[in-house]
Amino acid sequence: MKVRFASSKERSPDLEQGLKVLYEPSRRVAYRLRWYLILLLVASPLLWMAGRLGLAALQQRAPAQLALATTELRAPDSGRVEQVAVRPGQRVQAGQLLVQLDNPQWRLRLNQLRPPNPAGPDHLGRSALALQGDSIGLQGQMVDLFRSLHHQGGLSSAELLAAEVQLKVFQVGLLDLQRRLRQERFQVEGDPIATLREDRERTWLTARLGELGLRATTGGRVMEVLVSPGENVGPGSLLVRLERPDPPRLWIYLRPDQASWAQPNRIVEVQMPNGRWLQAQVLAMPDLARRLPPGLLAPLGSEGLTLQVPARFLEPLAARWQVDQLPLQVRFPHRWTWGWPWS
């Protein structure tokens, strides 16, 4: 079979089986438009891809992440979780109890310490001291009287000396009574230095046990509860994360060669998960380099560290989008494209 690349139809398009057929111009236009439409449909994927790449080059896109204002409550010391008074999603007020901890070792030591005054007040000892003091006072008055009589010549020196000796005996008896009462108190209460040391330790343990009840410093919403009753935690263990009512922060991640994009007060556009675009404003130049958080698509050509740029939303953010670490996309439109419909 011989293949012919030139046919009679090509040489004489107006001849059909020996008859001359006159085509109307309108039919020629229709066939031409049909071929144009076929070419457009075939080339539409390539045109769409080229348009997306060109638009992305004009808009300068970058990944971003939403960060809510949070407060982390951590264990001040090691202990055991006795009570969890809140649940995720609950609204709390300042001063409300969140988690109650307990330290069994501290409480055991507190019970082992001797109480401040186990025997109570010594009423008999106080009464004996009072009587001895009264006796000394009366004997002192008698000595004064004897002295005046001795000066007047109505009393001998021997009688005055006997009265003064009796006063000294009463004073020595008072000292002996105080010594005996102190010894008895030491036997019951212990050494004063050891008692003072135990009192200070008791005060310290009581204060530390009181600090194991963690309360909310500010009002907010409970985002996450990371412990349950009965668990043992160490110092610094994360117990509860609270969301503060402060406006959310937006973190934008740029390549080092894109640092010039992050001009303070520059307006950027943030694409929300539903496709809506919200405006945000760059707060400051980047001053921190860190690795891209998990879940974010790395910028094209970026490797290693990225620049973290702070920004804030210029319009209220819906409650459904106030999710910590929500991945977003940000674009930096050129100034001469701000008036375009797609900008």
C-alpha atoms as a PDB file:
ATOM      1  CA  MET A   1       0.000   0.000   0.000  1.00  0.00           C
ATOM      2  CA  LYS A   2       1.469   3.285  -1.059  1.00  0.00           C
ATOM      3  CA  VAL A   3       1.145   6.239   1.319  1.00  0.00           C
ATOM      4  CA  ARG A   4       0.287   9.473  -0.406  1.00  0.00           C
ATOM      5  CA  PHE A   5       0.990  12.734   1.366  1.00  0.00           C
ATOM      6  CA  ALA A   6      -0.675  14.840  -1.313  1.00  0.00           C
ATOM      7  CA  SER A   7      -4.276  14.210  -2.259  1.00  0.00           C
ATOM      8  CA  SER A   8      -6.620  15.678  -4.850  1.00  0.00           C
ATOM      9  CA  LYS A   9      -8.734  17.069  -2.013  1.00  0.00           C
ATOM     10  CA  GLU A  10      -5.808  19.140  -0.873  1.00  0.00           C
ATOM     11  CA  ARG A  11      -5.148  20.429  -4.405  1.00  0.00           C
ATOM     12  CA  SER A  12      -8.836  21.076  -5.143  1.00  0.00           C
ATOM     13  CA  PRO A  13     -10.761  21.499  -1.900  1.00  0.00           C
ATOM     14  CA  ASP A  14     -13.924  22.663  -3.712  1.00  0.00           C
ATOM     15  CA  LEU A  15     -14.285  19.441  -5.818  1.00  0.00           C
ATOM     16  CA  GLU A  16     -16.204  16.495  -4.399  1.00  0.00           C
ATOM     17  CA  GLN A  17     -16.412  13.388  -6.704  1.00  0.00           C
ATOM     18  CA  GLY A  18     -16.016  15.530  -9.776  1.00  0.00           C
ATOM     19  CA  LEU A  19     -18.616  18.062  -8.700  1.00  0.00           C
ATOM     20  CA  LYS A  20     -17.766  21.576  -7.643  1.00  0.00           C
ATOM     21  CA  VAL A  21     -19.077  22.422  -4.167  1.00  0.00           C
ATOM     22  CA  LEU A  22     -19.155  25.985  -2.943  1.00  0.00           C
ATOM     23  CA  TYR A  23     -18.688  26.292   0.866  1.00  0.00           C
ATOM     24  CA  GLU A  24     -20.142  29.240   2.693  1.00  0.00           C
ATOM     25  CA  PRO A  25     -17.748  31.523   4.664  1.00  0.00           C
ATOM     26  CA  SER A  26     -19.786  31.005   7.824  1.00  0.00           C
ATOM     27  CA  ARG A  27     -19.059  27.286   7.800  1.00  0.00           C
ATOM     28  CA  ARG A  28     -15.361  27.986   7.434  1.00  0.00           C
ATOM     29  CA  VAL A  29     -15.412  30.146  10.593  1.00  0.00           C
ATOM     30  CA  ALA A  30     -17.274  27.454  12.530  1.00  0.00           C
ATOM     31  CA  TYR A  31     -14.727  24.807  11.651  1.00  0.00           C
ATOM     32  CA  ARG A  32     -11.923  27.187  12.581  1.00  0.00           C
ATOM     33  CA  LEU A  33     -13.462  27.986  15.947  1.00  0.00           C
ATOM     34  CA  ARG A  34     -13.924  24.314  16.619  1.00  0.00           C
ATOM     35  CA  TRP A  35     -10.239  23.664  16.094  1.00  0.00           C
ATOM     36  CA  TYR A  36      -9.325  26.620  18.277  1.00  0.00           C
ATOM     37  CA  LEU A  37     -11.526  25.238  21.044  1.00  0.00           C
ATOM     38  CA  ILE A  38      -9.905  21.815  20.779  1.00  0.00           C
ATOM     39  CA  LEU A  39      -6.449  23.378  21.014  1.00  0.00           C
ATOM     40  CA  LEU A  40      -7.525  25.425  24.022  1.00  0.00           C
ATOM     41  CA  LEU A  41      -8.848  22.336  25.852  1.00  0.00           C
ATOM     42  CA  VAL A  42      -5.688  20.378  25.119  1.00  0.00           C
ATOM     43  CA  ALA A  43      -3.422  23.195  26.253  1.00  0.00           C
ATOM     44  CA  SER A  44      -5.537  24.195  29.307  1.00  0.00           C
ATOM     45  CA  PRO A  45      -3.481  22.123  31.855  1.00  0.00           C
ATOM     46  CA  LEU A  46      -0.272  23.698  30.623  1.00  0.00           C
ATOM     47  CA  LEU A  47      -1.818  27.166  30.696  1.00  0.00           C
ATOM     48  CA  TRP A  48      -3.169  26.585  34.228  1.00  0.00           C
ATOM     49  CA  MET A  49       0.239  25.408  35.488  1.00  0.00           C
ATOM     50  CA  ALA A  50       2.038  28.326  33.861  1.00  0.00           C
ATOM     51  CA  GLY A  51      -0.486  30.759  35.372  1.00  0.00           C
ATOM     52  CA  ARG A  52      -0.066  29.283  38.856  1.00  0.00           C
ATOM     53  CA  LEU A  53       3.729  29.452  38.653  1.00  0.00           C
ATOM     54  CA  GLY A  54       3.631  33.013  37.390  1.00  0.00           C
ATOM     55  CA  LEU A  55       1.142  34.100  40.050  1.00  0.00           C
ATOM     56  CA  ALA A  56       3.186  32.395  42.783  1.00  0.00           C
ATOM     57  CA  ALA A  57       6.289  34.220  41.585  1.00  0.00           C
ATOM     58  CA  LEU A  58       4.437  37.540  41.797  1.00  0.00           C
ATOM     59  CA  GLN A  59       2.848  36.887  45.208  1.00  0.00           C
ATOM     60  CA  GLN A  60       5.911  35.528  47.075  1.00  0.00           C
ATOM     61  CA  ARG A  61       4.315  32.842  49.245  1.00  0.00           C
ATOM     62  CA  ALA A  62       5.675  31.447  52.508  1.00  0.00           C
ATOM     63  CA  PRO A  63       4.457  28.959  55.159  1.00  0.00           C
ATOM     64  CA  ALA A  64       3.127  30.245  58.461  1.00  0.00           C
ATOM     65  CA  GLN A  65       1.750  28.932  61.730  1.00  0.00           C
ATOM     66  CA  LEU A  66      -0.824  30.271  64.168  1.00  0.00           C
ATOM     67  CA  ALA A  67       0.298  30.538  67.795  1.00  0.00           C
ATOM     68  CA  LEU A  68      -2.174  31.169  70.602  1.00  0.00           C
ATOM     69  CA  ALA A  69      -1.189  32.960  73.808  1.00  0.00           C
ATOM     70  CA  THR A  70      -0.765  30.095  76.260  1.00  0.00           C
ATOM     71  CA  THR A  71       0.315  29.588  79.850  1.00  0.00           C
ATOM     72  CA  GLU A  72       2.003  26.373  80.926  1.00  0.00           C
ATOM     73  CA  LEU A  73       1.571  25.167  84.497  1.00  0.00           C
ATOM     74  CA  ARG A  74       4.424  22.936  85.653  1.00  0.00           C
ATOM     75  CA  ALA A  75       5.001  21.022  88.856  1.00  0.00           C
ATOM     76  CA  PRO A  76       7.107  23.059  91.340  1.00  0.00           C
ATOM     77  CA  ASP A  77       8.418  19.890  93.022  1.00  0.00           C
ATOM     78  CA  SER A  78       8.134  16.144  92.768  1.00  0.00           C
ATOM     79  CA  GLY A  79       4.917  14.648  94.057  1.00  0.00           C
ATOM     80  CA  ARG A  80       1.780  12.673  93.316  1.00  0.00           C
ATOM     81  CA  VAL A  81      -1.328  14.000  91.567  1.00  0.00           C
ATOM     82  CA  GLU A  82      -4.173  13.920  94.078  1.00  0.00           C
ATOM     83  CA  GLN A  83      -6.870  15.780  92.122  1.00  0.00           C
ATOM     84  CA  VAL A  84      -7.439  17.188  88.623  1.00  0.00           C
ATOM     85  CA  ALA A  85     -10.154  19.825  89.010  1.00  0.00           C
ATOM     86  CA  VAL A  86     -10.529  20.856  85.328  1.00  0.00           C
ATOM     87  CA  ARG A  87     -11.061  19.263  81.909  1.00  0.00           C
ATOM     88  CA  PRO A  88     -10.046  20.324  78.375  1.00  0.00           C
ATOM     89  CA  GLY A  89     -12.195  23.103  76.955  1.00  0.00           C
ATOM     90  CA  GLN A  90     -13.331  24.361  80.363  1.00  0.00           C
ATOM     91  CA  ARG A  91     -13.258  28.089  81.136  1.00  0.00           C
ATOM     92  CA  VAL A  92     -11.443  28.979  84.340  1.00  0.00           C
ATOM     93  CA  GLN A  93     -11.095  32.116  86.423  1.00  0.00           C
ATOM     94  CA  ALA A  94      -8.011  33.568  88.058  1.00  0.00           C
ATOM     95  CA  GLY A  95      -7.273  31.779  91.331  1.00  0.00           C
ATOM     96  CA  GLN A  96      -9.274  28.650  90.474  1.00  0.00           C
ATOM     97  CA  LEU A  97      -7.735  25.325  91.534  1.00  0.00           C
ATOM     98  CA  LEU A  98      -6.493  23.288  88.573  1.00  0.00           C
ATOM     99  CA  VAL A  99      -4.359  20.444  89.924  1.00  0.00           C
ATOM    100  CA  GLN A 100      -3.701  19.370  93.505  1.00  0.00           C
ATOM    101  CA  LEU A 101      -0.384  17.627  94.197  1.00  0.00           C
ATOM    102  CA  ASP A 102       0.894  15.929  97.330  1.00  0.00           C
ATOM    103  CA  ASN A 103       4.334  14.814  98.505  1.00  0.00           C
ATOM    104  CA  PRO A 104       4.130  11.712 100.744  1.00  0.00           C
ATOM    105  CA  GLN A 105       7.743  12.053 101.918  1.00  0.00           C
ATOM    106  CA  TRP A 106       7.229  15.618 103.084  1.00  0.00           C
ATOM    107  CA  ARG A 107       3.970  14.752 104.841  1.00  0.00           C
ATOM    108  CA  LEU A 108       5.600  11.773 106.599  1.00  0.00           C
ATOM    109  CA  ARG A 109       8.434  13.967 107.798  1.00  0.00           C
ATOM    110  CA  LEU A 110       5.938  16.573 109.026  1.00  0.00           C
ATOM    111  CA  ASN A 111       4.132  13.912 111.072  1.00  0.00           C
ATOM    112  CA  GLN A 112       7.439  12.709 112.541  1.00  0.00           C
ATOM    113  CA  LEU A 113       8.353  16.138 113.858  1.00  0.00           C
ATOM    114  CA  ARG A 114       7.495  16.762 117.507  1.00  0.00           C
ATOM    115  CA  PRO A 115       4.549  19.139 117.993  1.00  0.00           C
ATOM    116  CA  PRO A 116       5.463  22.646 119.203  1.00  0.00           C
ATOM    117  CA  ASN A 117       4.181  22.106 122.785  1.00  0.00           C
ATOM    118  CA  PRO A 118       3.148  18.466 123.315  1.00  0.00           C
ATOM    119  CA  ALA A 119       2.599  18.721 127.098  1.00  0.00           C
ATOM    120  CA  GLY A 120       0.668  21.961 127.011  1.00  0.00           C
ATOM    121  CA  PRO A 121       1.213  24.859 129.431  1.00  0.00           C
ATOM    122  CA  ASP A 122       2.698  23.959 132.859  1.00  0.00           C
ATOM    123  CA  HIS A 123       0.177  25.550 135.233  1.00  0.00           C
ATOM    124  CA  LEU A 124       1.749  24.065 138.389  1.00  0.00           C
ATOM    125  CA  GLY A 125       5.195  25.356 137.480  1.00  0.00           C
ATOM    126  CA  ARG A 126       3.797  28.817 136.797  1.00  0.00           C
ATOM    127  CA  SER A 127       1.985  28.784 140.159  1.00  0.00           C
ATOM    128  CA  ALA A 128       5.173  27.737 141.998  1.00  0.00           C
ATOM    129  CA  LEU A 129       7.130  30.510 140.320  1.00  0.00           C
ATOM    130  CA  ALA A 130       4.427  33.030 141.238  1.00  0.00           C
ATOM    131  CA  LEU A 131       4.398  31.957 144.911  1.00  0.00           C
ATOM    132  CA  GLN A 132       8.180  32.042 145.105  1.00  0.00           C
ATOM    133  CA  GLY A 133       8.196  35.512 143.600  1.00  0.00           C
ATOM    134  CA  ASP A 134       5.605  36.697 146.128  1.00  0.00           C
ATOM    135  CA  SER A 135       7.697  35.275 148.977  1.00  0.00           C
ATOM    136  CA  ILE A 136      10.744  37.146 147.756  1.00  0.00           C
ATOM    137  CA  GLY A 137       8.714  40.327 147.510  1.00  0.00           C
ATOM    138  CA  LEU A 138       7.351  40.009 151.068  1.00  0.00           C
ATOM    139  CA  GLN A 139      10.780  39.154 152.442  1.00  0.00           C
ATOM    140  CA  GLY A 140      12.226  42.191 150.689  1.00  0.00           C
ATOM    141  CA  GLN A 141       9.623  44.425 152.332  1.00  0.00           C
ATOM    142  CA  MET A 142      10.523  42.897 155.730  1.00  0.00           C
ATOM    143  CA  VAL A 143      14.200  43.598 155.132  1.00  0.00           C
ATOM    144  CA  ASP A 144      13.395  47.244 154.350  1.00  0.00           C
ATOM    145  CA  LEU A 145      11.349  47.509 157.547  1.00  0.00           C
ATOM    146  CA  PHE A 146      14.130  45.956 159.633  1.00  0.00           C
ATOM    147  CA  ARG A 147      16.636  48.408 158.184  1.00  0.00           C
ATOM    148  CA  SER A 148      14.525  51.394 159.181  1.00  0.00           C
ATOM    149  CA  LEU A 149      14.087  50.012 162.682  1.00  0.00           C
ATOM    150  CA  HIS A 150      17.802  49.286 162.910  1.00  0.00           C
ATOM    151  CA  HIS A 151      18.609  52.926 162.075  1.00  0.00           C
ATOM    152  CA  GLN A 152      16.225  54.072 164.784  1.00  0.00           C
ATOM    153  CA  GLY A 153      17.894  51.746 167.301  1.00  0.00           C
ATOM    154  CA  GLY A 154      14.867  49.577 167.839  1.00  0.00           C
ATOM    155  CA  LEU A 155      16.333  46.457 166.217  1.00  0.00           C
ATOM    156  CA  SER A 156      19.637  44.701 166.537  1.00  0.00           C
ATOM    157  CA  SER A 157      22.061  44.051 163.718  1.00  0.00           C
ATOM    158  CA  ALA A 158      21.709  40.267 164.189  1.00  0.00           C
ATOM    159  CA  GLU A 159      17.959  40.398 163.482  1.00  0.00           C
ATOM    160  CA  LEU A 160      18.526  42.518 160.350  1.00  0.00           C
ATOM    161  CA  LEU A 161      21.197  40.106 159.143  1.00  0.00           C
ATOM    162  CA  ALA A 162      18.863  37.130 159.700  1.00  0.00           C
ATOM    163  CA  ALA A 163      16.161  38.835 157.596  1.00  0.00           C
ATOM    164  CA  GLU A 164      18.634  39.519 154.763  1.00  0.00           C
ATOM    165  CA  VAL A 165      19.845  35.878 154.892  1.00  0.00           C
ATOM    166  CA  GLN A 166      16.237  34.685 154.598  1.00  0.00           C
ATOM    167  CA  LEU A 167      15.777  36.924 151.512  1.00  0.00           C
ATOM    168  CA  LYS A 168      18.845  35.342 149.912  1.00  0.00           C
ATOM    169  CA  VAL A 169      17.452  31.885 150.673  1.00  0.00           C
ATOM    170  CA  PHE A 170      14.191  32.754 148.910  1.00  0.00           C
ATOM    171  CA  GLN A 171      16.128  34.094 145.895  1.00  0.00           C
ATOM    172  CA  VAL A 172      18.245  30.914 145.704  1.00  0.00           C
ATOM    173  CA  GLY A 173      15.058  28.851 145.932  1.00  0.00           C
ATOM    174  CA  LEU A 174      13.634  30.779 142.983  1.00  0.00           C
ATOM    175  CA  LEU A 175      16.736  30.051 140.882  1.00  0.00           C
ATOM    176  CA  ASP A 176      16.612  26.376 141.847  1.00  0.00           C
ATOM    177  CA  LEU A 177      12.912  26.186 140.950  1.00  0.00           C
ATOM    178  CA  GLN A 178      13.570  27.787 137.542  1.00  0.00           C
ATOM    179  CA  ARG A 179      16.418  25.325 136.897  1.00  0.00           C
ATOM    180  CA  ARG A 180      14.264  22.312 137.781  1.00  0.00           C
ATOM    181  CA  LEU A 181      11.372  23.537 135.613  1.00  0.00           C
ATOM    182  CA  ARG A 182      13.742  24.113 132.683  1.00  0.00           C
ATOM    183  CA  GLN A 183      15.156  20.605 133.018  1.00  0.00           C
ATOM    184  CA  GLU A 184      11.674  19.125 133.094  1.00  0.00           C
ATOM    185  CA  ARG A 185      10.732  21.147 129.994  1.00  0.00           C
ATOM    186  CA  PHE A 186      13.846  19.972 128.155  1.00  0.00           C
ATOM    187  CA  GLN A 187      12.933  16.363 128.971  1.00  0.00           C
ATOM    188  CA  VAL A 188       9.483  16.882 127.439  1.00  0.00           C
ATOM    189  CA  GLU A 189      10.144  19.348 124.622  1.00  0.00           C
ATOM    190  CA  GLY A 190      13.778  18.568 123.846  1.00  0.00           C
ATOM    191  CA  ASP A 191      16.808  20.760 123.417  1.00  0.00           C
ATOM    192  CA  PRO A 192      15.971  24.408 122.556  1.00  0.00           C
ATOM    193  CA  ILE A 193      18.294  24.451 119.531  1.00  0.00           C
ATOM    194  CA  ALA A 194      16.829  21.207 118.200  1.00  0.00           C
ATOM    195  CA  THR A 195      13.317  22.522 118.886  1.00  0.00           C
ATOM    196  CA  LEU A 196      14.070  25.714 116.978  1.00  0.00           C
ATOM    197  CA  ARG A 197      15.455  23.673 114.074  1.00  0.00           C
ATOM    198  CA  GLU A 198      12.341  21.470 114.023  1.00  0.00           C
ATOM    199  CA  ASP A 199      10.060  24.520 114.164  1.00  0.00           C
ATOM    200  CA  ARG A 200      11.776  25.995 111.111  1.00  0.00           C
ATOM    201  CA  GLU A 201      11.614  22.678 109.255  1.00  0.00           C
ATOM    202  CA  ARG A 202       7.927  22.357 110.141  1.00  0.00           C
ATOM    203  CA  THR A 203       7.253  25.851 108.795  1.00  0.00           C
ATOM    204  CA  TRP A 204       9.150  25.083 105.573  1.00  0.00           C
ATOM    205  CA  LEU A 205       7.319  21.794 104.990  1.00  0.00           C
ATOM    206  CA  THR A 206       3.932  23.382 105.632  1.00  0.00           C
ATOM    207  CA  ALA A 207       4.664  26.184 103.157  1.00  0.00           C
ATOM    208  CA  ARG A 208       5.929  23.773 100.462  1.00  0.00           C
ATOM    209  CA  LEU A 209       2.896  21.511 100.838  1.00  0.00           C
ATOM    210  CA  GLY A 210       0.672  24.554 100.474  1.00  0.00           C
ATOM    211  CA  GLU A 211       2.349  25.427  97.166  1.00  0.00           C
ATOM    212  CA  LEU A 212       1.466  22.041  95.648  1.00  0.00           C
ATOM    213  CA  GLY A 213      -2.050  23.274  94.891  1.00  0.00           C
ATOM    214  CA  LEU A 214      -1.685  24.810  91.408  1.00  0.00           C
ATOM    215  CA  ARG A 215      -4.146  27.593  90.602  1.00  0.00           C
ATOM    216  CA  ALA A 216      -4.791  29.659  87.471  1.00  0.00           C
ATOM    217  CA  THR A 217      -2.892  32.934  87.459  1.00  0.00           C
ATOM    218  CA  THR A 218      -5.224  34.448  84.822  1.00  0.00           C
ATOM    219  CA  GLY A 219      -8.579  33.571  83.346  1.00  0.00           C
ATOM    220  CA  GLY A 220      -8.741  31.546  80.145  1.00  0.00           C
ATOM    221  CA  ARG A 221      -9.607  28.208  78.586  1.00  0.00           C
ATOM    222  CA  VAL A 222      -8.045  24.851  79.377  1.00  0.00           C
ATOM    223  CA  MET A 223      -6.334  23.619  76.221  1.00  0.00           C
ATOM    224  CA  GLU A 224      -4.772  20.406  77.474  1.00  0.00           C
ATOM    225  CA  VAL A 225      -4.559  18.349  80.671  1.00  0.00           C
ATOM    226  CA  LEU A 226      -1.493  16.121  80.625  1.00  0.00           C
ATOM    227  CA  VAL A 227      -1.839  14.254  83.949  1.00  0.00           C
ATOM    228  CA  SER A 228      -4.396  12.155  85.759  1.00  0.00           C
ATOM    229  CA  PRO A 229      -4.936  11.359  89.471  1.00  0.00           C
ATOM    230  CA  GLY A 230      -2.402   8.933  90.915  1.00  0.00           C
ATOM    231  CA  GLU A 231       0.482   9.822  88.583  1.00  0.00           C
ATOM    232  CA  ASN A 232       3.909  10.701  89.956  1.00  0.00           C
ATOM    233  CA  VAL A 233       5.454  13.846  88.491  1.00  0.00           C
ATOM    234  CA  GLY A 234       8.870  15.442  88.820  1.00  0.00           C
ATOM    235  CA  PRO A 235       9.947  19.073  89.151  1.00  0.00           C
ATOM    236  CA  GLY A 236       9.123  20.993  85.980  1.00  0.00           C
ATOM    237  CA  SER A 237       6.688  18.408  84.570  1.00  0.00           C
ATOM    238  CA  LEU A 238       4.032  19.992  82.346  1.00  0.00           C
ATOM    239  CA  LEU A 239       0.604  19.534  83.922  1.00  0.00           C
ATOM    240  CA  VAL A 240      -1.885  21.891  82.230  1.00  0.00           C
ATOM    241  CA  ARG A 241      -1.809  24.278  79.273  1.00  0.00           C
ATOM    242  CA  LEU A 242      -4.118  27.310  79.435  1.00  0.00           C
ATOM    243  CA  GLU A 243      -5.160  29.592  76.594  1.00  0.00           C
ATOM    244  CA  ARG A 244      -5.053  33.258  77.533  1.00  0.00           C
ATOM    245  CA  PRO A 245      -7.592  35.716  76.052  1.00  0.00           C
ATOM    246  CA  ASP A 246      -4.800  37.638  74.273  1.00  0.00           C
ATOM    247  CA  PRO A 247      -4.913  38.023  70.455  1.00  0.00           C
ATOM    248  CA  PRO A 248      -3.269  35.131  68.580  1.00  0.00           C
ATOM    249  CA  ARG A 249       0.183  35.569  67.060  1.00  0.00           C
ATOM    250  CA  LEU A 250       1.189  34.611  63.516  1.00  0.00           C
ATOM    251  CA  TRP A 251       4.668  33.227  62.823  1.00  0.00           C
ATOM    252  CA  ILE A 252       5.924  33.395  59.228  1.00  0.00           C
ATOM    253  CA  TYR A 253       8.898  31.282  58.110  1.00  0.00           C
ATOM    254  CA  LEU A 254      11.159  32.646  55.358  1.00  0.00           C
ATOM    255  CA  ARG A 255      14.354  31.525  53.713  1.00  0.00           C
ATOM    256  CA  PRO A 256      17.434  33.557  54.678  1.00  0.00           C
ATOM    257  CA  ASP A 257      17.528  35.120  51.213  1.00  0.00           C
ATOM    258  CA  GLN A 258      13.914  36.304  51.717  1.00  0.00           C
ATOM    259  CA  ALA A 259      14.707  38.435  54.765  1.00  0.00           C
ATOM    260  CA  SER A 260      14.005  41.628  52.803  1.00  0.00           C
ATOM    261  CA  TRP A 261      10.339  40.625  52.556  1.00  0.00           C
ATOM    262  CA  ALA A 262       9.843  41.035  56.296  1.00  0.00           C
ATOM    263  CA  GLN A 263       9.699  44.800  56.486  1.00  0.00           C
ATOM    264  CA  PRO A 264       7.993  46.108  59.652  1.00  0.00           C
ATOM    265  CA  ASN A 265       4.357  47.207  59.129  1.00  0.00           C
ATOM    266  CA  ARG A 266       4.206  45.463  55.737  1.00  0.00           C
ATOM    267  CA  ILE A 267       0.753  44.119  54.897  1.00  0.00           C
ATOM    268  CA  VAL A 268       0.547  40.404  54.044  1.00  0.00           C
ATOM    269  CA  GLU A 269      -2.362  38.111  53.220  1.00  0.00           C
ATOM    270  CA  VAL A 270      -3.062  34.872  55.079  1.00  0.00           C
ATOM    271  CA  GLN A 271      -4.974  32.015  53.480  1.00  0.00           C
ATOM    272  CA  MET A 272      -7.267  30.287  55.957  1.00  0.00           C
ATOM    273  CA  PRO A 273      -8.188  26.593  55.629  1.00  0.00           C
ATOM    274  CA  ASN A 274     -11.529  27.478  53.995  1.00  0.00           C
ATOM    275  CA  GLY A 275      -9.768  29.458  51.257  1.00  0.00           C
ATOM    276  CA  ARG A 276     -10.587  32.909  52.626  1.00  0.00           C
ATOM    277  CA  TRP A 277      -7.825  35.510  52.731  1.00  0.00           C
ATOM    278  CA  LEU A 278      -7.256  37.681  55.797  1.00  0.00           C
ATOM    279  CA  GLN A 279      -4.896  40.600  56.147  1.00  0.00           C
ATOM    280  CA  ALA A 280      -2.034  40.632  58.628  1.00  0.00           C
ATOM    281  CA  GLN A 281       0.818  42.990  59.442  1.00  0.00           C
ATOM    282  CA  VAL A 282       4.486  42.227  59.992  1.00  0.00           C
ATOM    283  CA  LEU A 283       5.536  43.381  63.462  1.00  0.00           C
ATOM    284  CA  ALA A 284       9.333  43.337  63.310  1.00  0.00           C
ATOM    285  CA  MET A 285      12.352  42.116  61.444  1.00  0.00           C
ATOM    286  CA  PRO A 286      13.295  38.470  62.080  1.00  0.00           C
ATOM    287  CA  ASP A 287      15.687  38.005  64.991  1.00  0.00           C
ATOM    288  CA  LEU A 288      15.465  34.226  65.402  1.00  0.00           C
ATOM    289  CA  ALA A 289      16.444  31.348  63.119  1.00  0.00           C
ATOM    290  CA  ARG A 290      14.911  27.951  63.798  1.00  0.00           C
ATOM    291  CA  ARG A 291      13.967  24.781  61.987  1.00  0.00           C
ATOM    292  CA  LEU A 292      10.599  24.606  60.312  1.00  0.00           C
ATOM    293  CA  PRO A 293       7.960  23.150  62.686  1.00  0.00           C
ATOM    294  CA  PRO A 294       6.523  19.733  61.776  1.00  0.00           C
ATOM    295  CA  GLY A 295       3.489  19.835  59.518  1.00  0.00           C
ATOM    296  CA  LEU A 296       4.552  22.855  57.445  1.00  0.00           C
ATOM    297  CA  LEU A 297       5.608  22.628  53.811  1.00  0.00           C
ATOM    298  CA  ALA A 298       9.147  23.905  53.437  1.00  0.00           C
ATOM    299  CA  PRO A 299       9.630  26.877  51.089  1.00  0.00           C
ATOM    300  CA  LEU A 300      10.987  25.981  47.697  1.00  0.00           C
ATOM    301  CA  GLY A 301      14.771  25.667  47.900  1.00  0.00           C
ATOM    302  CA  SER A 302      14.954  26.034  51.688  1.00  0.00           C
ATOM    303  CA  GLU A 303      17.189  23.728  53.679  1.00  0.00           C
ATOM    304  CA  GLY A 304      18.100  23.800  57.342  1.00  0.00           C
ATOM    305  CA  LEU A 305      17.104  26.854  59.344  1.00  0.00           C
ATOM    306  CA  THR A 306      14.433  29.433  58.461  1.00  0.00           C
ATOM    307  CA  LEU A 307      13.784  32.956  59.693  1.00  0.00           C
ATOM    308  CA  GLN A 308      10.874  33.339  62.106  1.00  0.00           C
ATOM    309  CA  VAL A 309       8.920  36.554  61.469  1.00  0.00           C
ATOM    310  CA  PRO A 310       6.226  37.758  63.929  1.00  0.00           C
ATOM    311  CA  ALA A 311       2.961  39.165  62.567  1.00  0.00           C
ATOM    312  CA  ARG A 312      -0.552  39.962  63.793  1.00  0.00           C
ATOM    313  CA  PHE A 313      -3.986  39.786  62.199  1.00  0.00           C
ATOM    314  CA  LEU A 314      -5.630  43.074  61.262  1.00  0.00           C
ATOM    315  CA  GLU A 315      -9.163  41.689  61.524  1.00  0.00           C
ATOM    316  CA  PRO A 316     -10.906  39.482  64.083  1.00  0.00           C
ATOM    317  CA  LEU A 317     -10.195  35.773  63.779  1.00  0.00           C
ATOM    318  CA  ALA A 318     -13.138  33.370  63.936  1.00  0.00           C
ATOM    319  CA  ALA A 319     -13.267  31.105  66.965  1.00  0.00           C
ATOM    320  CA  ARG A 320     -13.114  27.985  64.792  1.00  0.00           C
ATOM    321  CA  TRP A 321      -9.690  29.013  63.462  1.00  0.00           C
ATOM    322  CA  GLN A 322      -8.197  29.784  66.877  1.00  0.00           C
ATOM    323  CA  VAL A 323      -6.277  26.522  66.966  1.00  0.00           C
ATOM    324  CA  ASP A 324      -2.741  26.440  68.294  1.00  0.00           C
ATOM    325  CA  GLN A 325      -0.087  25.486  65.679  1.00  0.00           C
ATOM    326  CA  LEU A 326      -2.593  25.715  62.816  1.00  0.00           C
ATOM    327  CA  PRO A 327      -0.639  25.535  59.494  1.00  0.00           C
ATOM    328  CA  LEU A 328      -1.340  28.442  57.117  1.00  0.00           C
ATOM    329  CA  GLN A 329      -0.043  30.027  53.930  1.00  0.00           C
ATOM    330  CA  VAL A 330       1.036  33.661  53.620  1.00  0.00           C
ATOM    331  CA  ARG A 331       1.677  35.695  50.492  1.00  0.00           C
ATOM    332  CA  PHE A 332       3.604  38.933  50.148  1.00  0.00           C
ATOM    333  CA  PRO A 333       1.977  40.796  47.234  1.00  0.00           C
ATOM    334  CA  HIS A 334       4.001  43.365  45.311  1.00  0.00           C
ATOM    335  CA  ARG A 335       2.920  46.943  45.808  1.00  0.00           C
ATOM    336  CA  TRP A 336       2.106  47.374  42.131  1.00  0.00           C
ATOM    337  CA  THR A 337      -0.250  44.337  42.231  1.00  0.00           C
ATOM    338  CA  TRP A 338      -2.359  45.386  45.229  1.00  0.00           C
ATOM    339  CA  GLY A 339      -5.083  46.751  42.990  1.00  0.00           C
ATOM    340  CA  TRP A 340      -5.440  43.587  40.903  1.00  0.00           C
ATOM    341  CA  PRO A 341      -8.580  41.477  41.487  1.00  0.00           C
ATOM    342  CA  TRP A 342      -6.587  38.371  42.417  1.00  0.00           C
ATOM    343  CA  SER A 343      -4.408  40.334  44.846  1.00  0.00           C
END
